[in-house]
Protein backbone atom coordinates (compact mmCIF):
# COMPACT_ATOMS: atom_id res chain seq x y z
CA MET A 1 136.34 43.01 11.76
CA LEU A 2 137.58 44.82 8.67
CA ASP A 3 136.78 43.69 5.14
CA ARG A 4 139.19 44.07 2.23
CA LEU A 5 138.05 47.68 1.76
CA GLU A 6 138.61 48.37 5.47
CA ARG A 7 134.94 48.76 6.25
CA GLU A 8 134.31 47.83 9.87
CA ILE A 9 131.74 45.03 10.04
CA ASN A 10 129.98 44.94 13.41
CA TYR A 11 126.32 44.25 12.54
CA LEU A 12 124.62 40.90 11.90
CA ARG A 13 121.07 40.70 10.56
CA ILE A 14 119.52 37.32 11.37
CA SER A 15 116.46 35.92 9.63
CA VAL A 16 114.70 33.60 12.06
CA THR A 17 112.08 32.38 9.55
CA ASP A 18 111.18 32.60 5.87
CA ARG A 19 107.47 32.58 6.75
CA CYS A 20 105.19 35.59 7.00
CA ASN A 21 101.62 36.30 8.07
CA LEU A 22 101.16 38.80 5.21
CA ARG A 23 101.55 38.45 1.44
CA CYS A 24 102.78 41.88 0.36
CA ARG A 25 102.52 42.20 -3.41
CA TYR A 26 106.06 43.41 -4.01
CA CYS A 27 107.53 40.72 -1.76
CA MET A 28 105.70 37.42 -2.26
CA PRO A 29 103.71 35.73 -5.03
CA PRO A 30 99.94 35.43 -4.41
CA GLU A 31 100.07 31.67 -3.98
CA GLY A 32 102.60 32.01 -1.20
CA ILE A 33 106.00 30.36 -1.07
CA PHE A 34 107.58 26.95 -0.77
CA LEU A 35 108.28 26.77 2.95
CA LYS A 36 111.33 25.11 4.42
CA GLU A 37 110.91 22.27 6.88
CA HIS A 38 111.51 22.99 10.55
CA ARG A 39 114.66 20.88 10.51
CA ASP A 40 116.09 23.09 7.75
CA ILE A 41 115.87 26.21 9.91
CA LEU A 42 118.49 27.16 12.48
CA SER A 43 117.54 26.38 16.06
CA PHE A 44 117.78 29.05 18.75
CA GLU A 45 120.79 27.22 20.18
CA GLU A 46 122.54 27.32 16.80
CA ILE A 47 121.77 31.02 16.37
CA GLU A 48 123.06 31.73 19.87
CA LYS A 49 126.32 29.91 19.10
CA ILE A 50 126.80 31.82 15.85
CA VAL A 51 126.19 35.15 17.59
CA ARG A 52 128.57 34.21 20.39
CA ILE A 53 131.35 33.45 17.91
CA GLY A 54 130.49 36.55 15.89
CA ALA A 55 130.77 38.66 19.04
CA GLU A 56 134.26 37.29 19.64
CA LEU A 57 135.18 38.55 16.18
CA GLY A 58 133.62 42.00 16.59
CA ILE A 59 129.86 41.76 15.99
CA ARG A 60 128.12 44.25 18.30
CA LYS A 61 124.64 44.76 16.83
CA ILE A 62 121.98 42.17 16.08
CA ARG A 63 118.74 42.64 14.17
CA LEU A 64 116.17 39.84 13.97
CA THR A 65 114.21 39.70 10.73
CA GLY A 66 112.18 37.30 8.61
CA GLY A 67 109.87 36.72 6.78
CA GLU A 68 108.00 37.93 9.83
CA PRO A 69 110.15 37.18 12.89
CA LEU A 70 107.31 37.36 15.41
CA ILE A 71 105.68 34.21 14.03
CA ARG A 72 108.69 32.25 15.27
CA ARG A 73 107.52 30.62 18.49
CA ASN A 74 109.15 31.70 21.76
CA LEU A 75 111.12 34.51 20.15
CA PRO A 76 111.64 36.30 23.51
CA ASP A 77 113.73 33.28 24.53
CA LEU A 78 116.12 33.94 21.64
CA VAL A 79 116.27 37.66 22.44
CA TYR A 80 117.14 36.78 26.03
CA LYS A 81 119.94 34.43 24.94
CA ILE A 82 121.64 36.78 22.52
CA SER A 83 121.17 39.98 24.53
CA ARG A 84 123.27 38.47 27.30
CA ILE A 85 126.20 37.51 25.11
CA GLU A 86 129.29 39.50 26.02
CA GLY A 87 130.00 42.15 23.41
CA ILE A 88 126.45 42.43 22.06
CA ASP A 89 125.19 45.90 22.95
CA ASP A 90 122.14 46.31 20.72
CA VAL A 91 119.34 43.89 19.82
CA ALA A 92 116.60 45.10 17.48
CA ILE A 93 113.83 43.63 15.37
CA THR A 94 112.08 44.46 12.09
CA THR A 95 108.41 43.46 11.95
CA ASN A 96 105.16 44.23 10.19
CA GLY A 97 103.79 44.82 13.69
CA ILE A 98 100.69 42.64 13.48
CA LEU A 99 101.75 40.43 16.40
CA PHE A 100 103.88 43.00 18.20
CA PRO A 101 101.42 44.40 20.79
CA ALA A 102 101.02 41.05 22.52
CA LEU A 103 104.77 40.36 22.50
CA ALA A 104 106.18 43.82 23.19
CA ALA A 105 106.44 43.52 26.97
CA PRO A 106 108.09 40.08 27.05
CA LEU A 107 110.45 41.10 24.23
CA LYS A 108 111.53 44.21 26.11
CA GLU A 109 111.95 42.27 29.34
CA ALA A 110 114.07 39.75 27.44
CA GLY A 111 116.42 42.48 26.25
CA LEU A 112 115.03 43.91 23.01
CA ASN A 113 116.22 47.50 22.59
CA ARG A 114 114.52 48.76 19.44
CA VAL A 115 111.86 47.98 16.85
CA ASN A 116 111.37 48.92 13.19
CA ILE A 117 107.82 48.57 11.89
CA SER A 118 107.17 48.19 8.17
CA LEU A 119 104.26 50.36 7.03
CA ASP A 120 103.84 51.43 3.41
CA THR A 121 100.54 53.28 3.64
CA LEU A 122 98.37 54.99 6.23
CA GLN A 123 95.16 54.16 4.39
CA LYS A 124 93.10 51.14 5.44
CA ASP A 125 92.04 50.02 1.95
CA ARG A 126 95.49 50.42 0.49
CA TYR A 127 97.04 48.46 3.33
CA HIS A 128 94.53 45.67 2.79
CA TYR A 129 95.41 45.67 -0.91
CA ILE A 130 99.22 45.79 -0.73
CA THR A 131 99.39 43.16 2.04
CA ARG A 132 96.66 40.98 0.50
CA GLY A 133 94.38 41.11 3.51
CA GLY A 134 96.24 42.80 6.36
CA ASP A 135 94.51 44.92 9.00
CA ILE A 136 96.13 48.33 9.39
CA THR A 137 94.57 48.71 12.84
CA ALA A 138 97.05 46.16 14.16
CA ALA A 139 99.98 48.03 12.60
CA PHE A 140 98.88 51.31 14.19
CA LYS A 141 98.52 49.52 17.52
CA ALA A 142 102.11 48.28 17.14
CA LEU A 143 103.36 51.87 16.82
CA GLU A 144 101.42 52.93 19.91
CA THR A 145 102.72 49.96 21.87
CA ALA A 146 106.36 50.51 20.87
CA LEU A 147 106.18 54.13 22.01
CA ALA A 148 104.43 53.16 25.23
CA GLU A 149 107.13 50.57 25.97
CA GLY A 150 109.86 53.16 25.41
CA MET A 151 111.58 51.26 22.61
CA GLU A 152 113.13 54.40 21.24
CA PRO A 153 113.92 55.23 18.57
CA VAL A 154 110.80 53.72 17.00
CA LYS A 155 111.36 53.59 13.24
CA VAL A 156 108.82 53.18 10.46
CA ASN A 157 110.04 51.62 7.20
CA THR A 158 108.09 52.95 4.21
CA VAL A 159 108.78 51.73 0.68
CA LEU A 160 107.56 54.33 -1.80
CA ILE A 161 106.05 53.10 -5.07
CA LYS A 162 105.14 55.59 -7.75
CA GLY A 163 101.42 55.65 -8.45
CA PHE A 164 100.61 53.67 -5.32
CA ASN A 165 101.60 55.55 -2.17
CA ASP A 166 103.75 58.49 -3.28
CA ASP A 167 100.75 60.76 -2.66
CA GLU A 168 101.10 59.96 1.07
CA ILE A 169 104.58 61.41 1.54
CA LEU A 170 103.30 64.45 3.42
CA ASP A 171 100.92 62.30 5.46
CA PHE A 172 103.90 60.30 6.74
CA CYS A 173 105.74 63.54 7.47
CA ARG A 174 102.77 64.75 9.50
CA LEU A 175 102.93 61.49 11.48
CA ALA A 176 106.59 62.19 12.27
CA PHE A 177 105.78 65.79 13.14
CA ASP A 178 103.01 64.87 15.57
CA GLN A 179 104.64 61.83 17.19
CA PRO A 180 108.21 60.85 18.21
CA LEU A 181 108.49 58.47 15.26
CA HIS A 182 111.29 58.22 12.72
CA ILE A 183 109.88 57.65 9.24
CA ARG A 184 112.38 56.16 6.78
CA PHE A 185 111.52 56.47 3.10
CA ILE A 186 113.10 53.53 1.28
CA GLU A 187 113.58 53.42 -2.46
CA PHE A 188 111.78 50.53 -4.19
CA MET A 189 114.33 47.77 -4.86
CA PRO A 190 114.26 44.70 -7.14
CA VAL A 191 114.64 42.24 -4.27
CA GLY A 192 111.19 40.71 -3.94
CA GLU A 193 108.49 39.58 -6.35
CA VAL A 194 110.31 40.49 -9.53
CA LYS A 195 107.15 40.73 -11.67
CA TYR A 196 105.95 43.59 -9.49
CA TRP A 197 109.11 45.71 -9.71
CA HIS A 198 109.62 48.18 -12.53
CA ARG A 199 112.29 50.84 -12.71
CA GLU A 200 109.68 53.50 -13.45
CA SER A 201 107.93 52.60 -10.17
CA MET A 202 110.88 53.83 -8.13
CA VAL A 203 110.57 57.21 -6.42
CA ARG A 204 113.98 58.82 -6.03
CA ASN A 205 114.60 60.07 -2.52
CA SER A 206 116.03 63.31 -3.86
CA ASP A 207 112.57 64.02 -5.28
CA VAL A 208 110.96 63.15 -1.96
CA LEU A 209 113.30 65.52 -0.14
CA SER A 210 112.43 68.27 -2.59
CA THR A 211 108.71 67.72 -1.99
CA VAL A 212 109.02 67.68 1.79
CA SER A 213 111.26 70.76 1.85
CA LYS A 214 108.44 72.83 0.37
CA HIS A 215 106.27 72.14 3.41
CA TYR A 216 108.65 71.70 6.35
CA VAL A 217 111.85 73.28 7.59
CA LEU A 218 114.36 70.43 7.70
CA LYS A 219 117.60 70.27 9.64
CA PRO A 220 120.14 67.42 9.30
CA GLY A 221 120.00 65.28 12.39
CA LYS A 222 120.74 61.95 14.02
CA ILE A 223 118.74 59.63 16.20
CA SER A 224 119.88 58.17 19.48
CA ARG A 225 120.71 54.66 18.27
CA GLY A 226 120.91 52.70 15.06
CA ASN A 227 121.36 55.37 12.40
CA GLY A 228 122.44 52.81 9.78
CA PRO A 229 122.34 53.89 6.13
CA ALA A 230 119.55 56.44 6.55
CA LYS A 231 120.18 60.16 6.25
CA TYR A 232 117.93 61.86 8.82
CA PHE A 233 116.30 65.26 9.00
CA VAL A 234 114.55 66.80 11.97
CA LEU A 235 111.22 68.44 11.21
CA GLU A 236 111.51 71.86 12.86
CA GLY A 237 108.88 72.16 15.59
CA GLY A 238 108.00 68.46 15.39
CA LYS A 239 108.56 65.46 17.64
CA GLY A 240 110.11 63.00 15.19
CA SER A 241 112.23 62.89 12.06
CA ILE A 242 112.30 61.60 8.52
CA GLY A 243 115.09 59.58 6.98
CA PHE A 244 116.07 58.51 3.50
CA ILE A 245 117.49 55.13 2.50
CA SER A 246 118.60 55.40 -1.12
CA PRO A 247 120.09 52.08 -2.29
CA MET A 248 119.15 52.70 -5.92
CA SER A 249 119.91 56.36 -6.59
CA ASN A 250 122.77 56.84 -4.13
CA HIS A 251 124.04 53.53 -2.86
CA PHE A 252 125.64 53.54 0.59
CA CYS A 253 127.85 50.49 0.10
CA SER A 254 131.01 52.34 1.16
CA GLU A 255 129.45 52.63 4.64
CA CYS A 256 127.95 49.15 4.86
CA ASN A 257 128.77 47.46 8.17
CA ARG A 258 126.68 44.28 7.99
CA LEU A 259 126.55 40.59 7.33
CA ARG A 260 123.34 38.59 6.90
CA LEU A 261 122.41 35.17 8.23
CA THR A 262 119.53 33.42 6.49
CA ALA A 263 116.99 31.30 8.35
CA ASP A 264 118.53 28.16 6.88
CA GLY A 265 121.99 29.05 8.10
CA LYS A 266 123.73 30.71 5.16
CA LEU A 267 126.03 33.64 5.88
CA ARG A 268 125.97 36.41 3.26
CA ALA A 269 128.09 39.52 2.89
CA CYS A 270 125.57 41.41 0.73
CA LEU A 271 121.80 41.42 0.26
CA TYR A 272 122.13 41.40 -3.52
CA GLY A 273 125.37 39.45 -3.87
CA GLY A 274 124.80 35.75 -4.46
CA LYS A 275 127.72 34.28 -2.48
CA GLU A 276 126.83 32.33 0.67
CA GLN A 277 128.72 30.25 3.22
CA ASP A 278 126.95 27.40 5.02
CA LEU A 279 127.21 27.83 8.78
CA LYS A 280 124.42 25.36 9.53
CA GLU A 281 126.28 22.48 7.92
CA ALA A 282 129.43 23.37 9.82
CA LEU A 283 127.55 23.48 13.12
CA ARG A 284 125.69 20.23 12.57
CA ASN A 285 128.91 18.50 11.57
CA ASN A 286 130.38 19.62 14.89
CA GLN A 287 133.08 21.72 13.31
CA PRO A 288 135.33 23.52 15.82
CA THR A 289 134.92 27.19 16.65
CA GLU A 290 137.92 28.07 14.51
CA GLU A 291 136.12 26.71 11.43
CA ILE A 292 133.10 28.92 12.17
CA LYS A 293 135.44 31.89 12.52
CA ARG A 294 137.08 30.96 9.22
CA ILE A 295 133.67 31.03 7.50
CA PHE A 296 132.99 34.46 8.99
CA THR A 297 136.34 35.72 7.74
CA GLU A 298 135.95 34.22 4.28
CA THR A 299 132.48 35.73 3.94
CA LEU A 300 133.79 39.07 5.14
CA LEU A 301 136.54 39.08 2.52
CA SER A 302 134.03 38.29 -0.24
CA LYS A 303 132.01 41.44 0.49
CA PRO A 304 131.72 43.35 -2.80
CA GLU A 305 132.65 46.98 -3.18
CA ARG A 306 129.05 47.77 -4.13
CA HIS A 307 125.80 46.08 -5.12
CA ALA A 308 124.53 45.83 -8.69
CA MET A 309 120.80 46.27 -8.07
CA GLY A 310 119.08 47.62 -11.13
CA GLU A 311 122.01 46.66 -13.35
CA LYS A 312 121.13 42.98 -13.59
CA PRO A 313 117.70 41.29 -13.54
CA TRP A 314 116.77 40.12 -10.04
CA GLY A 315 115.09 37.14 -11.66
CA THR A 316 118.51 35.59 -12.23
CA ARG A 317 118.95 35.24 -8.47
CA ASP A 318 117.79 32.17 -6.58
CA ARG A 319 116.89 34.03 -3.37
CA LYS A 320 114.36 36.74 -2.67
CA MET A 321 114.16 39.21 0.20
CA PHE A 322 111.93 37.08 2.43
CA GLN A 323 114.36 34.17 1.98
CA ILE A 324 117.47 36.21 2.76
CA GLY A 325 116.08 38.35 5.55
CA GLY A 326 114.70 41.89 5.45
């Protein structure tokens, strides 16, 4: 599939739930969120049908997200269904890792190829603070389990926030040096709990690269699968790599290859863009396959040239990251 700017779109990120077992301060308000009813969320059968039609159009990669996707019951069943759809050659998941150790084996057996684990600090007290109660021991166990299960490349998503965890940059680099992990430093974006985000809290990845370069010899590199928007560097003499995702200081929209499907069945062409098309309604009204394909195509053609994060207040949007899908 090509959009109007001739970007090839072959990647669908699917949120399977808007719920989460953590309450990260930059993502959710302290009182939690207004949760959708079960009937408002896409069923596994509906997701499978959407992926099947998407694959006919050119979707090749699937990433399951949330909220926290692993709290969705029987998730290995969904992985099994979509991993066996003709044309789908990569199924991955993004998770906070808390529930991953117990589910890793059945997920891999079902067809999961890769895992990204969100981890913004390596310090126990900080983790407890930023997640409002999370246990970092479980997150560390998730990393160990992913490596043990051979779900390579194992990526770690780290959002840097000035004055909170930017003093841990070299600690994360040491983790990538010592273990075959791929740490991705992600610039702080205004896509969550808007009261928490401030422009001055953002750490530019160019500054991070400058800091790291004083301590490590870096060589541009790639990982085996799923490079995405990150620019990777191998740490000379180390086992892993570090990557930089810079949506604020150096947006990568010209290379964007993805669509997003929300848990309640809305298809979006851009994380920040507000336009959505309702696939759930079409499915539940028994619309023919050609109508589903038309919605895909219409969404594709609405994909903006670039996002406007930081240029307009996120508070004017009616969806936040956990509602759209991470």
